[in-house]
Each structure stands twice: as structure tokens, then as C-alpha cells.
Amino acid sequence: MAEICSYAGFKAVETEKLLQPCPDGIQFHPSANTAPDARMDVVALDLWRKSQLAHMDVRVFHANAPSHINTPIDQLYRRNESSKKQSYGKRVREVEGGTFSPLVMNTAGGIANEFHKVLKTLSSRISTRTGEPYAEVMAHLRTRLRFSLLRTCLIALRGNRRKIAIANLACTVLLYGRLRAGFSVNPISGCLSSAVRIQLSSKIINI
């Protein structure tokens, strides 16, 4: 996200920014993160308002987890957004003097409402700067985020050893090639034909 914000032309983009300590006298939600070493995933200037820092923190959840299986996906999105806002919203507004946007997505590649608003703003900015159609920019950003999530999931499952990292790259390249060839591929949920799954498996085994 930091790279995308920088490419869109926003200034003062930072990752893992250390938040200011919470002063005495301000009451926070019981689940708020008031730790002195709390950090924000991404910060960018002028995203929503002129000369104001926009703070963004990422959360990824698995919608098919046993604890979520009977809960509608929209409710899961809202619940996770609300949880993030309770953790950081008031602290960012009253201590940092900025805005807070929770970037919530699930492991299948879907994104919550607040994340979608951020992507719309970034896509519009990039489209204006480059002259590329807005729809194509949005599709590119969504695809890029899904591949980033795919790599993260693979590393979480298999570790970050060099051979596995090469295998992850092979999987990503093959999936990207399928997309470029015009196939409808969901790189996160694994909606691939049996032949493609065999190709992916053989690449991992042979490396």
C-alpha cells in the first residue's frame, strides 16, 4: 500500500510509523491499543484532507474459519472494521490529529467498505496522473493486492526459505500468465482447473 500511495503522488508516505504516547486524561475504549510502541502500517499525507495525515492499518481474516462459518461476510467485514476503529480510531484523531482507515480484507481477496474507499481514491489519483482508464487502474490495484496476499499466505504456510520463495514466485508467475492470457482466475481462492493445479504442484516439487 505504501508503494501505491507514493506512486499516486501522495507525500510523507511512511510504513510502521510509531504513534505518539497517549496523554493522561483521555479515556479510550477498553480494547484500544494504548501501548507506547504502537505503530501504524501505512501513513500518507493529503489522502483525505489537505495537510492532514491519513493513518491506515491492515487486517486480514479468514472467512471460512470455524468461528466465522455461520456469519454473513458483510457482517464479518463490519465487525473487523469496528474492531480496528476501536483499537486506533480515537487515538489517531485526538493524539495524532489525523484520520484513520482500517484496511480489512479476507483471505479470498475480498475487501471491506473502508478499504474500497481508499482504493477508489488511489485509483482516481493515479488515473488522473497517468491518463489510464480508471477501471483499468482499479483492476490492476485489486490484482496486485491479491497477489501480495497470495505470497503472504504461501510464506505463512511454508516459511520463507529460499527454495520455497522461488516456488512461490513460480506460482505467482504462472497465475499472472493465466490472467494475461485471458483466463478468469481467482489467485486467492484457487479456482483453477485440475491441469493448472497439477502444473503448480509440479513446479513446487521440482524446485
Protein backbone atom coordinates (compact mmCIF):
# COMPACT_ATOMS: atom_id res chain seq x y z
CA MET A 1 0.00 0.00 0.00
CA ALA A 2 2.86 2.39 0.73
CA GLU A 3 4.22 1.93 -2.80
CA ILE A 4 0.79 2.56 -4.28
CA CYS A 5 0.34 5.72 -2.21
CA SER A 6 3.73 7.00 -3.31
CA TYR A 7 3.01 6.21 -6.96
CA ALA A 8 -0.30 8.07 -6.67
CA GLY A 9 1.67 11.18 -5.71
CA PHE A 10 0.87 11.43 -2.02
CA LYS A 11 3.63 12.80 0.19
CA ALA A 12 5.13 11.82 3.54
CA VAL A 13 4.33 8.15 2.99
CA GLU A 14 5.65 6.01 5.83
CA THR A 15 5.34 2.41 6.99
CA GLU A 16 5.36 1.16 10.57
CA LYS A 17 5.12 4.72 11.89
CA LEU A 18 5.47 4.96 15.67
CA LEU A 19 2.44 6.65 17.25
CA GLN A 20 2.78 9.36 19.86
CA PRO A 21 2.30 8.32 23.51
CA CYS A 22 -1.23 8.60 24.89
CA PRO A 23 -1.53 11.55 27.28
CA ASP A 24 -3.24 11.27 30.65
CA GLY A 25 -6.86 12.38 30.87
CA ILE A 26 -8.14 10.81 27.64
CA GLN A 27 -10.43 7.81 28.07
CA PHE A 28 -10.11 5.16 25.38
CA HIS A 29 -12.17 2.09 24.52
CA PRO A 30 -11.20 -0.91 26.69
CA SER A 31 -9.83 -2.69 23.63
CA ALA A 32 -7.88 0.34 22.38
CA ASN A 33 -4.18 -0.07 21.75
CA THR A 34 -2.56 2.45 24.08
CA ALA A 35 0.88 0.82 24.09
CA PRO A 36 3.78 3.31 23.83
CA ASP A 37 5.31 1.28 20.99
CA ALA A 38 2.11 1.05 18.89
CA ARG A 39 2.70 1.54 15.18
CA MET A 40 0.58 2.25 12.11
CA ASP A 41 1.04 0.12 8.98
CA VAL A 42 0.84 2.97 6.44
CA VAL A 43 0.66 6.76 6.76
CA ALA A 44 0.21 9.23 3.90
CA LEU A 45 -0.28 13.00 3.71
CA ASP A 46 -3.25 14.66 1.95
CA LEU A 47 -5.16 11.43 1.25
CA TRP A 48 -8.44 12.74 2.65
CA ARG A 49 -7.73 16.31 3.75
CA LYS A 50 -5.09 18.87 2.88
CA SER A 51 -2.06 18.82 5.21
CA GLN A 52 -3.53 16.02 7.31
CA LEU A 53 -2.01 12.57 7.78
CA ALA A 54 -4.14 9.59 6.85
CA HIS A 55 -3.39 6.55 9.01
CA MET A 56 -4.13 3.06 7.67
CA ASP A 57 -3.82 -0.28 9.40
CA VAL A 58 -4.26 -3.67 7.75
CA ARG A 59 -6.21 -6.69 8.96
CA VAL A 60 -6.65 -9.97 7.07
CA PHE A 61 -9.18 -12.54 8.29
CA HIS A 62 -10.20 -16.00 7.11
CA ALA A 63 -13.93 -16.01 6.37
CA ASN A 64 -14.08 -19.82 6.27
CA ALA A 65 -12.70 -20.29 9.76
CA PRO A 66 -14.95 -22.44 12.01
CA SER A 67 -15.76 -19.41 14.18
CA HIS A 68 -16.96 -17.46 11.13
CA ILE A 69 -18.71 -20.14 9.12
CA ASN A 70 -22.25 -19.12 10.16
CA THR A 71 -21.69 -15.36 9.97
CA PRO A 72 -22.51 -13.40 6.77
CA ILE A 73 -19.43 -11.96 5.06
CA ASP A 74 -20.76 -8.39 5.25
CA GLN A 75 -21.11 -8.71 9.00
CA LEU A 76 -17.55 -10.04 9.26
CA TYR A 77 -16.26 -7.03 7.35
CA ARG A 78 -18.13 -4.61 9.60
CA ARG A 79 -17.02 -6.41 12.74
CA ASN A 80 -13.35 -6.29 11.79
CA GLU A 81 -13.57 -2.65 10.71
CA SER A 82 -15.24 -1.75 14.00
CA SER A 83 -12.58 -3.64 15.95
CA LYS A 84 -9.79 -1.73 14.20
CA LYS A 85 -11.51 1.60 14.81
CA GLN A 86 -11.91 0.80 18.49
CA SER A 87 -8.21 -0.02 18.67
CA TYR A 88 -6.86 3.06 16.89
CA GLY A 89 -9.61 5.46 15.82
CA LYS A 90 -9.78 7.76 18.85
CA ARG A 91 -6.02 7.68 19.41
CA VAL A 92 -5.33 8.75 15.83
CA ARG A 93 -7.96 11.52 15.90
CA GLU A 94 -7.20 13.03 19.30
CA VAL A 95 -3.48 12.33 19.74
CA GLU A 96 -2.16 12.25 16.18
CA GLY A 97 -4.66 14.75 14.76
CA GLY A 98 -5.19 12.62 11.68
CA THR A 99 -7.73 10.30 10.08
CA PHE A 100 -7.92 6.53 10.43
CA SER A 101 -8.95 3.98 7.80
CA PRO A 102 -8.99 0.26 8.60
CA LEU A 103 -7.83 -1.79 5.59
CA VAL A 104 -9.74 -5.03 6.09
CA MET A 105 -9.62 -7.88 3.61
CA ASN A 106 -10.25 -11.61 3.73
CA THR A 107 -8.00 -14.42 2.56
CA ALA A 108 -10.18 -14.91 -0.53
CA GLY A 109 -9.21 -11.44 -1.81
CA GLY A 110 -12.35 -9.51 -0.89
CA ILE A 111 -12.09 -6.10 0.76
CA ALA A 112 -14.26 -4.17 3.19
CA ASN A 113 -16.00 -0.85 2.56
CA GLU A 114 -13.32 1.42 4.05
CA PHE A 115 -10.59 -0.32 2.07
CA HIS A 116 -12.66 0.07 -1.10
CA LYS A 117 -12.94 3.84 -0.49
CA VAL A 118 -9.15 4.08 -0.17
CA LEU A 119 -8.65 2.13 -3.40
CA LYS A 120 -11.16 4.35 -5.22
CA THR A 121 -9.25 7.46 -4.12
CA LEU A 122 -5.90 5.99 -5.13
CA SER A 123 -7.25 4.76 -8.48
CA SER A 124 -8.75 8.14 -9.27
CA ARG A 125 -5.48 9.90 -8.41
CA ILE A 126 -3.38 7.51 -10.49
CA SER A 127 -5.81 7.67 -13.40
CA THR A 128 -5.58 11.47 -13.41
CA ARG A 129 -1.79 11.44 -13.22
CA THR A 130 -1.17 8.80 -15.89
CA GLY A 131 -4.16 9.14 -18.19
CA GLU A 132 -5.01 5.45 -17.79
CA PRO A 133 -8.70 4.50 -17.61
CA TYR A 134 -9.99 4.45 -14.04
CA ALA A 135 -11.46 0.95 -14.37
CA GLU A 136 -8.13 -0.48 -15.56
CA VAL A 137 -6.23 1.19 -12.72
CA MET A 138 -8.69 -0.17 -10.14
CA ALA A 139 -8.47 -3.68 -11.62
CA HIS A 140 -4.67 -3.50 -11.55
CA LEU A 141 -4.58 -2.41 -7.91
CA ARG A 142 -7.03 -5.13 -6.85
CA THR A 143 -4.99 -7.77 -8.69
CA ARG A 144 -1.72 -6.51 -7.22
CA LEU A 145 -3.13 -6.64 -3.70
CA ARG A 146 -4.41 -10.18 -4.24
CA PHE A 147 -1.04 -11.40 -5.43
CA SER A 148 0.61 -9.76 -2.41
CA LEU A 149 -1.88 -11.56 -0.20
CA LEU A 150 -1.20 -14.82 -2.04
CA ARG A 151 2.55 -14.52 -1.42
CA THR A 152 1.92 -13.73 2.24
CA CYS A 153 -0.32 -16.77 2.67
CA LEU A 154 2.23 -19.04 0.98
CA ILE A 155 5.02 -17.76 3.21
CA ALA A 156 2.83 -18.21 6.29
CA LEU A 157 2.08 -21.81 5.31
CA ARG A 158 5.51 -22.89 4.03
CA GLY A 159 8.01 -20.50 5.62
CA ASN A 160 10.39 -18.10 3.91
CA ARG A 161 13.18 -20.49 2.95
CA ARG A 162 14.86 -19.69 -0.37
CA LYS A 163 13.62 -22.74 -2.28
CA ILE A 164 10.07 -22.14 -1.16
CA ALA A 165 10.39 -18.46 -2.04
CA ILE A 166 11.35 -19.50 -5.57
CA ALA A 167 8.38 -21.87 -5.66
CA ASN A 168 6.09 -19.04 -4.54
CA LEU A 169 7.45 -16.89 -7.36
CA ALA A 170 6.82 -19.71 -9.85
CA CYS A 171 3.22 -19.96 -8.68
CA THR A 172 2.74 -16.22 -8.95
CA VAL A 173 4.26 -16.08 -12.43
CA LEU A 174 2.08 -18.93 -13.67
CA LEU A 175 -1.08 -17.36 -12.27
CA TYR A 176 -0.17 -13.99 -13.75
CA GLY A 177 0.42 -15.65 -17.11
CA ARG A 178 -3.04 -17.19 -16.94
CA LEU A 179 -4.53 -13.77 -16.27
CA ARG A 180 -2.60 -12.20 -19.14
CA ALA A 181 -3.80 -14.97 -21.44
CA GLY A 182 -7.39 -14.02 -20.73
CA PHE A 183 -8.37 -16.82 -18.34
CA SER A 184 -10.65 -15.98 -15.44
CA VAL A 185 -8.53 -16.87 -12.43
CA ASN A 186 -9.05 -16.08 -8.78
CA PRO A 187 -5.48 -16.22 -7.46
CA ILE A 188 -6.61 -16.38 -3.85
CA SER A 189 -9.41 -18.90 -3.72
CA GLY A 190 -7.59 -21.23 -6.09
CA CYS A 191 -10.36 -21.52 -8.68
CA LEU A 192 -8.10 -23.25 -11.19
CA SER A 193 -8.58 -26.26 -13.39
CA SER A 194 -7.09 -29.60 -12.33
CA ALA A 195 -4.43 -29.29 -15.04
CA VAL A 196 -3.29 -25.92 -13.72
CA ARG A 197 -3.21 -27.19 -10.14
CA ILE A 198 -1.01 -30.07 -11.32
CA GLN A 199 1.29 -27.57 -13.04
CA LEU A 200 1.60 -25.56 -9.84
CA SER A 201 2.31 -28.68 -7.77
CA SER A 202 4.96 -29.93 -10.20
CA LYS A 203 6.72 -26.56 -10.14
CA ILE A 204 6.89 -26.62 -6.35
CA ILE A 205 8.12 -30.24 -6.26
CA ASN A 206 10.74 -29.79 -8.99
CA ILE A 207 12.40 -26.72 -7.47
